[in-house]
Amino acid sequence: MFSRIIDSVKDTLIKESEAIEEINANLDEEQINKIVELVMDCKGKIITTGCGTSAAAAKKIAHTLSCIECPALFLSPSDAVHGGLGVVRNQDIVIVFSKGGETQEINNIIPSCKVKGATIIAITESEGSYIAREADALLKIKVSKEPDDFNMLATSSILATIAVFDAICIAITRFRGFTKEQFAVIHPGGKVGNTLKRKNKELEDVQDM
């Protein structure tokens, strides 16, 4: 039994790593460039939204964007239609995550975001979906297969989505010349914060010599 468990775990890890390689091989460079330009040129804030597993990805991506000084927050679709849409302004970007592109809770907020003048970015595998048609920019992220036996669990597809946005965020830091000193200001806590503060102190000591 133990060997069967390990074999299953390794099989899933292999399939998920293959999904990342597939996305890398099929990146639409024009779409990526447009997303990066929109994010870097954003004069407002970036709002991410999604349901289910897509919500988990959207929350993580909002946090990573904030970590590189692209102010971002996650907006729950259910809260959005009960007044939460008041957070949206005309200089904002709303990034909507929906694997199939037809999640009703997400579809419900699109008209209001458009009325408020926000820029909408759709992240989906379906170019013909509602959110793709209504968005100002589209990033198609599609994997051939999820690793589970039923091809149902959004696992590889969500990892691919997170990986692409990790890559986008790192590209932005490199383009902007984001420094450790900047990161230390916004990340003073935990092991990362302590490491950055120690390194900054060591640098100051060297400069004072």
C-alpha atoms as a PDB file:
ATOM      1  CA  MET A   1       0.000   0.000   0.000  1.00  0.00           C
ATOM      2  CA  PHE A   2       2.796   2.405   0.919  1.00  0.00           C
ATOM      3  CA  SER A   3       4.474   1.998  -2.474  1.00  0.00           C
ATOM      4  CA  ARG A   4       1.160   2.644  -4.251  1.00  0.00           C
ATOM      5  CA  ILE A   5       0.760   5.904  -2.338  1.00  0.00           C
ATOM      6  CA  ILE A   6       4.268   7.047  -3.220  1.00  0.00           C
ATOM      7  CA  ASP A   7       3.753   6.092  -6.868  1.00  0.00           C
ATOM      8  CA  SER A   8       0.537   8.108  -6.948  1.00  0.00           C
ATOM      9  CA  VAL A   9       2.171  11.143  -5.341  1.00  0.00           C
ATOM     10  CA  LYS A  10       5.092  11.043  -7.769  1.00  0.00           C
ATOM     11  CA  ASP A  11       2.734  10.589 -10.718  1.00  0.00           C
ATOM     12  CA  THR A  12       0.833  13.728  -9.724  1.00  0.00           C
ATOM     13  CA  LEU A  13       3.999  15.762  -9.206  1.00  0.00           C
ATOM     14  CA  ILE A  14       5.289  14.711 -12.609  1.00  0.00           C
ATOM     15  CA  LYS A  15       2.011  15.634 -14.299  1.00  0.00           C
ATOM     16  CA  GLU A  16       1.897  18.995 -12.568  1.00  0.00           C
ATOM     17  CA  SER A  17       5.482  19.792 -13.553  1.00  0.00           C
ATOM     18  CA  GLU A  18       4.625  18.800 -17.122  1.00  0.00           C
ATOM     19  CA  ALA A  19       1.688  21.219 -17.044  1.00  0.00           C
ATOM     20  CA  ILE A  20       4.034  24.089 -16.164  1.00  0.00           C
ATOM     21  CA  GLU A  21       6.345  23.068 -19.009  1.00  0.00           C
ATOM     22  CA  GLU A  22       3.346  22.968 -21.364  1.00  0.00           C
ATOM     23  CA  ILE A  23       2.316  26.495 -20.386  1.00  0.00           C
ATOM     24  CA  ASN A  24       5.882  27.726 -20.837  1.00  0.00           C
ATOM     25  CA  ALA A  25       6.053  26.197 -24.311  1.00  0.00           C
ATOM     26  CA  ASN A  26       2.757  27.727 -25.404  1.00  0.00           C
ATOM     27  CA  LEU A  27       2.891  31.206 -23.870  1.00  0.00           C
ATOM     28  CA  ASP A  28       1.196  33.882 -25.913  1.00  0.00           C
ATOM     29  CA  GLU A  29       3.878  36.567 -25.752  1.00  0.00           C
ATOM     30  CA  GLU A  30       1.560  39.311 -26.965  1.00  0.00           C
ATOM     31  CA  GLN A  31      -0.955  38.560 -24.205  1.00  0.00           C
ATOM     32  CA  ILE A  32       1.787  38.449 -21.561  1.00  0.00           C
ATOM     33  CA  ASN A  33       3.285  41.752 -22.724  1.00  0.00           C
ATOM     34  CA  LYS A  34      -0.113  43.441 -22.603  1.00  0.00           C
ATOM     35  CA  ILE A  35      -0.817  42.183 -19.065  1.00  0.00           C
ATOM     36  CA  VAL A  36       2.590  43.357 -17.842  1.00  0.00           C
ATOM     37  CA  GLU A  37       2.132  46.778 -19.436  1.00  0.00           C
ATOM     38  CA  LEU A  38      -1.345  47.200 -17.944  1.00  0.00           C
ATOM     39  CA  VAL A  39      -0.159  46.234 -14.466  1.00  0.00           C
ATOM     40  CA  MET A  40       2.899  48.492 -14.581  1.00  0.00           C
ATOM     41  CA  ASP A  41       0.891  51.432 -15.943  1.00  0.00           C
ATOM     42  CA  CYS A  42      -1.952  51.036 -13.443  1.00  0.00           C
ATOM     43  CA  LYS A  43      -2.644  54.340 -11.676  1.00  0.00           C
ATOM     44  CA  GLY A  44      -5.147  52.828  -9.272  1.00  0.00           C
ATOM     45  CA  LYS A  45      -5.171  49.462  -7.555  1.00  0.00           C
ATOM     46  CA  ILE A  46      -5.435  45.921  -8.828  1.00  0.00           C
ATOM     47  CA  ILE A  47      -8.445  43.887  -7.751  1.00  0.00           C
ATOM     48  CA  THR A  48      -8.449  40.118  -8.193  1.00  0.00           C
ATOM     49  CA  THR A  49     -11.536  37.947  -7.990  1.00  0.00           C
ATOM     50  CA  GLY A  50     -12.569  34.343  -8.506  1.00  0.00           C
ATOM     51  CA  CYS A  51     -14.611  31.512  -7.036  1.00  0.00           C
ATOM     52  CA  GLY A  52     -13.536  28.214  -5.528  1.00  0.00           C
ATOM     53  CA  THR A  53      -9.992  27.200  -6.412  1.00  0.00           C
ATOM     54  CA  SER A  54      -9.693  30.243  -8.642  1.00  0.00           C
ATOM     55  CA  ALA A  55     -10.355  32.386  -5.570  1.00  0.00           C
ATOM     56  CA  ALA A  56      -7.405  30.768  -3.793  1.00  0.00           C
ATOM     57  CA  ALA A  57      -5.178  31.602  -6.765  1.00  0.00           C
ATOM     58  CA  ALA A  58      -6.575  35.141  -6.979  1.00  0.00           C
ATOM     59  CA  LYS A  59      -5.835  35.769  -3.283  1.00  0.00           C
ATOM     60  CA  LYS A  60      -2.264  34.529  -3.638  1.00  0.00           C
ATOM     61  CA  ILE A  61      -1.697  36.612  -6.757  1.00  0.00           C
ATOM     62  CA  ALA A  62      -3.066  39.765  -5.091  1.00  0.00           C
ATOM     63  CA  HIS A  63      -0.634  39.240  -2.221  1.00  0.00           C
ATOM     64  CA  THR A  64       2.327  38.739  -4.560  1.00  0.00           C
ATOM     65  CA  LEU A  65       1.437  41.886  -6.499  1.00  0.00           C
ATOM     66  CA  SER A  66       1.329  43.877  -3.261  1.00  0.00           C
ATOM     67  CA  CYS A  67       4.723  42.408  -2.305  1.00  0.00           C
ATOM     68  CA  ILE A  68       6.243  44.078  -5.372  1.00  0.00           C
ATOM     69  CA  GLU A  69       4.466  47.383  -4.692  1.00  0.00           C
ATOM     70  CA  CYS A  70       1.623  46.916  -7.145  1.00  0.00           C
ATOM     71  CA  PRO A  71      -1.216  47.639  -4.674  1.00  0.00           C
ATOM     72  CA  ALA A  72      -3.714  44.788  -4.916  1.00  0.00           C
ATOM     73  CA  LEU A  73      -6.585  43.203  -3.037  1.00  0.00           C
ATOM     74  CA  PHE A  74      -8.951  40.262  -3.407  1.00  0.00           C
ATOM     75  CA  LEU A  75     -12.673  40.940  -3.795  1.00  0.00           C
ATOM     76  CA  SER A  76     -15.105  38.134  -3.069  1.00  0.00           C
ATOM     77  CA  PRO A  77     -17.660  37.878  -5.901  1.00  0.00           C
ATOM     78  CA  SER A  78     -20.461  37.236  -3.405  1.00  0.00           C
ATOM     79  CA  ASP A  79     -19.529  40.336  -1.400  1.00  0.00           C
ATOM     80  CA  ALA A  80     -19.040  42.344  -4.583  1.00  0.00           C
ATOM     81  CA  VAL A  81     -22.692  42.164  -5.639  1.00  0.00           C
ATOM     82  CA  HIS A  82     -23.807  43.204  -2.151  1.00  0.00           C
ATOM     83  CA  GLY A  83     -21.971  46.520  -2.080  1.00  0.00           C
ATOM     84  CA  GLY A  84     -18.363  45.405  -2.310  1.00  0.00           C
ATOM     85  CA  LEU A  85     -18.164  46.793  -5.846  1.00  0.00           C
ATOM     86  CA  GLY A  86     -17.882  50.207  -4.223  1.00  0.00           C
ATOM     87  CA  VAL A  87     -14.157  49.557  -3.932  1.00  0.00           C
ATOM     88  CA  VAL A  88     -13.777  49.650  -7.734  1.00  0.00           C
ATOM     89  CA  ARG A  89     -12.627  52.930  -9.312  1.00  0.00           C
ATOM     90  CA  ASN A  90     -12.061  53.973 -12.906  1.00  0.00           C
ATOM     91  CA  GLN A  91      -8.267  53.755 -12.706  1.00  0.00           C
ATOM     92  CA  ASP A  92      -8.351  50.251 -11.272  1.00  0.00           C
ATOM     93  CA  ILE A  93      -7.680  46.933 -12.932  1.00  0.00           C
ATOM     94  CA  VAL A  94      -9.991  44.029 -12.154  1.00  0.00           C
ATOM     95  CA  ILE A  95      -8.452  40.637 -12.883  1.00  0.00           C
ATOM     96  CA  VAL A  96     -11.111  37.942 -13.090  1.00  0.00           C
ATOM     97  CA  PHE A  97     -10.089  34.303 -12.767  1.00  0.00           C
ATOM     98  CA  SER A  98     -12.397  31.607 -14.107  1.00  0.00           C
ATOM     99  CA  LYS A  99     -11.132  28.385 -15.648  1.00  0.00           C
ATOM    100  CA  GLY A 100     -14.182  27.902 -17.875  1.00  0.00           C
ATOM    101  CA  GLY A 101     -14.990  31.592 -18.148  1.00  0.00           C
ATOM    102  CA  GLU A 102     -18.673  31.157 -17.382  1.00  0.00           C
ATOM    103  CA  THR A 103     -18.794  31.291 -13.576  1.00  0.00           C
ATOM    104  CA  GLN A 104     -22.058  33.102 -12.905  1.00  0.00           C
ATOM    105  CA  GLU A 105     -20.837  34.869  -9.769  1.00  0.00           C
ATOM    106  CA  ILE A 106     -17.988  36.357 -11.801  1.00  0.00           C
ATOM    107  CA  ASN A 107     -20.198  37.206 -14.749  1.00  0.00           C
ATOM    108  CA  ASN A 108     -22.490  39.153 -12.420  1.00  0.00           C
ATOM    109  CA  ILE A 109     -19.839  41.709 -11.529  1.00  0.00           C
ATOM    110  CA  ILE A 110     -18.519  42.398 -15.037  1.00  0.00           C
ATOM    111  CA  PRO A 111     -21.220  44.938 -16.077  1.00  0.00           C
ATOM    112  CA  SER A 112     -20.720  47.056 -12.951  1.00  0.00           C
ATOM    113  CA  CYS A 113     -16.937  47.038 -13.359  1.00  0.00           C
ATOM    114  CA  LYS A 114     -17.367  48.233 -16.943  1.00  0.00           C
ATOM    115  CA  VAL A 115     -19.795  50.987 -15.899  1.00  0.00           C
ATOM    116  CA  LYS A 116     -17.281  52.173 -13.301  1.00  0.00           C
ATOM    117  CA  GLY A 117     -14.591  52.376 -15.965  1.00  0.00           C
ATOM    118  CA  ALA A 118     -12.214  49.754 -14.594  1.00  0.00           C
ATOM    119  CA  THR A 119      -9.940  47.825 -16.932  1.00  0.00           C
ATOM    120  CA  ILE A 120     -10.882  44.140 -16.964  1.00  0.00           C
ATOM    121  CA  ILE A 121      -8.374  41.354 -17.479  1.00  0.00           C
ATOM    122  CA  ALA A 122      -9.764  37.848 -17.982  1.00  0.00           C
ATOM    123  CA  ILE A 123      -7.735  34.799 -16.995  1.00  0.00           C
ATOM    124  CA  THR A 124      -9.373  31.707 -18.459  1.00  0.00           C
ATOM    125  CA  GLU A 125      -8.817  28.715 -20.710  1.00  0.00           C
ATOM    126  CA  SER A 126     -11.839  29.603 -22.855  1.00  0.00           C
ATOM    127  CA  GLU A 127     -11.327  32.386 -25.400  1.00  0.00           C
ATOM    128  CA  GLY A 128     -15.000  32.298 -26.372  1.00  0.00           C
ATOM    129  CA  SER A 129     -16.324  32.663 -22.824  1.00  0.00           C
ATOM    130  CA  TYR A 130     -18.313  35.597 -21.492  1.00  0.00           C
ATOM    131  CA  ILE A 131     -15.482  37.061 -19.437  1.00  0.00           C
ATOM    132  CA  ALA A 132     -13.060  36.722 -22.356  1.00  0.00           C
ATOM    133  CA  ARG A 133     -15.451  38.549 -24.685  1.00  0.00           C
ATOM    134  CA  GLU A 134     -16.138  41.338 -22.212  1.00  0.00           C
ATOM    135  CA  ALA A 135     -12.552  41.869 -21.032  1.00  0.00           C
ATOM    136  CA  ASP A 136     -10.136  44.544 -22.185  1.00  0.00           C
ATOM    137  CA  ALA A 137      -7.322  41.997 -22.127  1.00  0.00           C
ATOM    138  CA  LEU A 138      -7.185  38.212 -22.094  1.00  0.00           C
ATOM    139  CA  LEU A 139      -4.618  35.761 -20.824  1.00  0.00           C
ATOM    140  CA  LYS A 140      -5.393  32.216 -21.863  1.00  0.00           C
ATOM    141  CA  ILE A 141      -4.018  29.582 -19.499  1.00  0.00           C
ATOM    142  CA  LYS A 142      -4.929  26.048 -20.471  1.00  0.00           C
ATOM    143  CA  VAL A 143      -3.389  22.713 -19.567  1.00  0.00           C
ATOM    144  CA  SER A 144      -4.076  19.488 -21.449  1.00  0.00           C
ATOM    145  CA  LYS A 145      -5.179  17.536 -18.404  1.00  0.00           C
ATOM    146  CA  GLU A 146      -5.554  17.688 -14.661  1.00  0.00           C
ATOM    147  CA  PRO A 147      -3.646  14.885 -12.887  1.00  0.00           C
ATOM    148  CA  ASP A 148      -6.632  13.261 -11.160  1.00  0.00           C
ATOM    149  CA  ASP A 149      -8.323  10.235 -12.703  1.00  0.00           C
ATOM    150  CA  PHE A 150     -11.453  12.171 -13.663  1.00  0.00           C
ATOM    151  CA  ASN A 151      -9.735  15.281 -15.057  1.00  0.00           C
ATOM    152  CA  MET A 152     -11.913  17.300 -12.721  1.00  0.00           C
ATOM    153  CA  LEU A 153      -9.836  18.750  -9.873  1.00  0.00           C
ATOM    154  CA  ALA A 154      -8.460  22.184 -10.726  1.00  0.00           C
ATOM    155  CA  THR A 155      -4.899  21.433  -9.636  1.00  0.00           C
ATOM    156  CA  SER A 156      -2.414  21.644 -12.507  1.00  0.00           C
ATOM    157  CA  SER A 157      -4.432  24.442 -14.084  1.00  0.00           C
ATOM    158  CA  ILE A 158      -4.359  26.517 -10.891  1.00  0.00           C
ATOM    159  CA  LEU A 159      -0.658  25.859 -10.339  1.00  0.00           C
ATOM    160  CA  ALA A 160      -0.054  27.000 -13.903  1.00  0.00           C
ATOM    161  CA  THR A 161      -2.032  30.187 -13.294  1.00  0.00           C
ATOM    162  CA  ILE A 162      -0.081  30.978 -10.143  1.00  0.00           C
ATOM    163  CA  ALA A 163       3.208  30.158 -11.855  1.00  0.00           C
ATOM    164  CA  VAL A 164       2.488  32.491 -14.766  1.00  0.00           C
ATOM    165  CA  PHE A 165       1.682  35.369 -12.409  1.00  0.00           C
ATOM    166  CA  ASP A 166       4.758  34.607 -10.312  1.00  0.00           C
ATOM    167  CA  ALA A 167       6.741  34.972 -13.531  1.00  0.00           C
ATOM    168  CA  ILE A 168       4.918  38.205 -14.416  1.00  0.00           C
ATOM    169  CA  CYS A 169       5.607  39.677 -10.971  1.00  0.00           C
ATOM    170  CA  ILE A 170       9.290  38.778 -11.088  1.00  0.00           C
ATOM    171  CA  ALA A 171       9.565  40.269 -14.581  1.00  0.00           C
ATOM    172  CA  ILE A 172       8.095  43.513 -13.220  1.00  0.00           C
ATOM    173  CA  THR A 173      10.622  43.634 -10.364  1.00  0.00           C
ATOM    174  CA  ARG A 174      13.477  43.195 -12.809  1.00  0.00           C
ATOM    175  CA  PHE A 175      12.114  45.791 -15.236  1.00  0.00           C
ATOM    176  CA  ARG A 176      11.614  48.335 -12.447  1.00  0.00           C
ATOM    177  CA  GLY A 177      14.848  47.565 -10.638  1.00  0.00           C
ATOM    178  CA  PHE A 178      13.037  46.551  -7.461  1.00  0.00           C
ATOM    179  CA  THR A 179      15.542  46.437  -4.590  1.00  0.00           C
ATOM    180  CA  LYS A 180      16.021  44.510  -1.347  1.00  0.00           C
ATOM    181  CA  GLU A 181      15.722  47.827   0.468  1.00  0.00           C
ATOM    182  CA  GLN A 182      12.237  48.363  -0.986  1.00  0.00           C
ATOM    183  CA  PHE A 183      11.242  44.840  -0.063  1.00  0.00           C
ATOM    184  CA  ALA A 184      12.540  45.331   3.489  1.00  0.00           C
ATOM    185  CA  VAL A 185      10.231  48.319   3.979  1.00  0.00           C
ATOM    186  CA  ILE A 186       7.084  46.388   3.048  1.00  0.00           C
ATOM    187  CA  HIS A 187       8.149  43.048   4.517  1.00  0.00           C
ATOM    188  CA  PRO A 188       9.605  43.805   7.971  1.00  0.00           C
ATOM    189  CA  GLY A 189       8.154  40.719   9.640  1.00  0.00           C
ATOM    190  CA  GLY A 190       9.036  37.038   9.833  1.00  0.00           C
ATOM    191  CA  LYS A 191      12.188  35.291   8.685  1.00  0.00           C
ATOM    192  CA  VAL A 192      12.263  37.208   5.409  1.00  0.00           C
ATOM    193  CA  GLY A 193      12.045  40.543   7.222  1.00  0.00           C
ATOM    194  CA  ASN A 194      14.719  39.588   9.733  1.00  0.00           C
ATOM    195  CA  THR A 195      17.051  38.417   6.967  1.00  0.00           C
ATOM    196  CA  LEU A 196      16.570  41.621   4.988  1.00  0.00           C
ATOM    197  CA  LYS A 197      17.098  43.839   8.029  1.00  0.00           C
ATOM    198  CA  ARG A 198      20.271  41.951   8.957  1.00  0.00           C
ATOM    199  CA  LYS A 199      21.661  42.251   5.440  1.00  0.00           C
ATOM    200  CA  ASN A 200      20.818  45.955   5.321  1.00  0.00           C
ATOM    201  CA  LYS A 201      22.548  46.461   8.672  1.00  0.00           C
ATOM    202  CA  GLU A 202      25.637  44.602   7.443  1.00  0.00           C
ATOM    203  CA  LEU A 203      25.696  46.804   4.341  1.00  0.00           C
ATOM    204  CA  GLU A 204      25.421  49.948   6.462  1.00  0.00           C
ATOM    205  CA  ASP A 205      28.277  48.765   8.674  1.00  0.00           C
ATOM    206  CA  VAL A 206      30.477  48.177   5.626  1.00  0.00           C
ATOM    207  CA  GLN A 207      29.659  51.609   4.221  1.00  0.00           C
ATOM    208  CA  ASP A 208      30.537  53.262   7.568  1.00  0.00           C
ATOM    209  CA  MET A 209      33.969  51.670   7.662  1.00  0.00           C
END
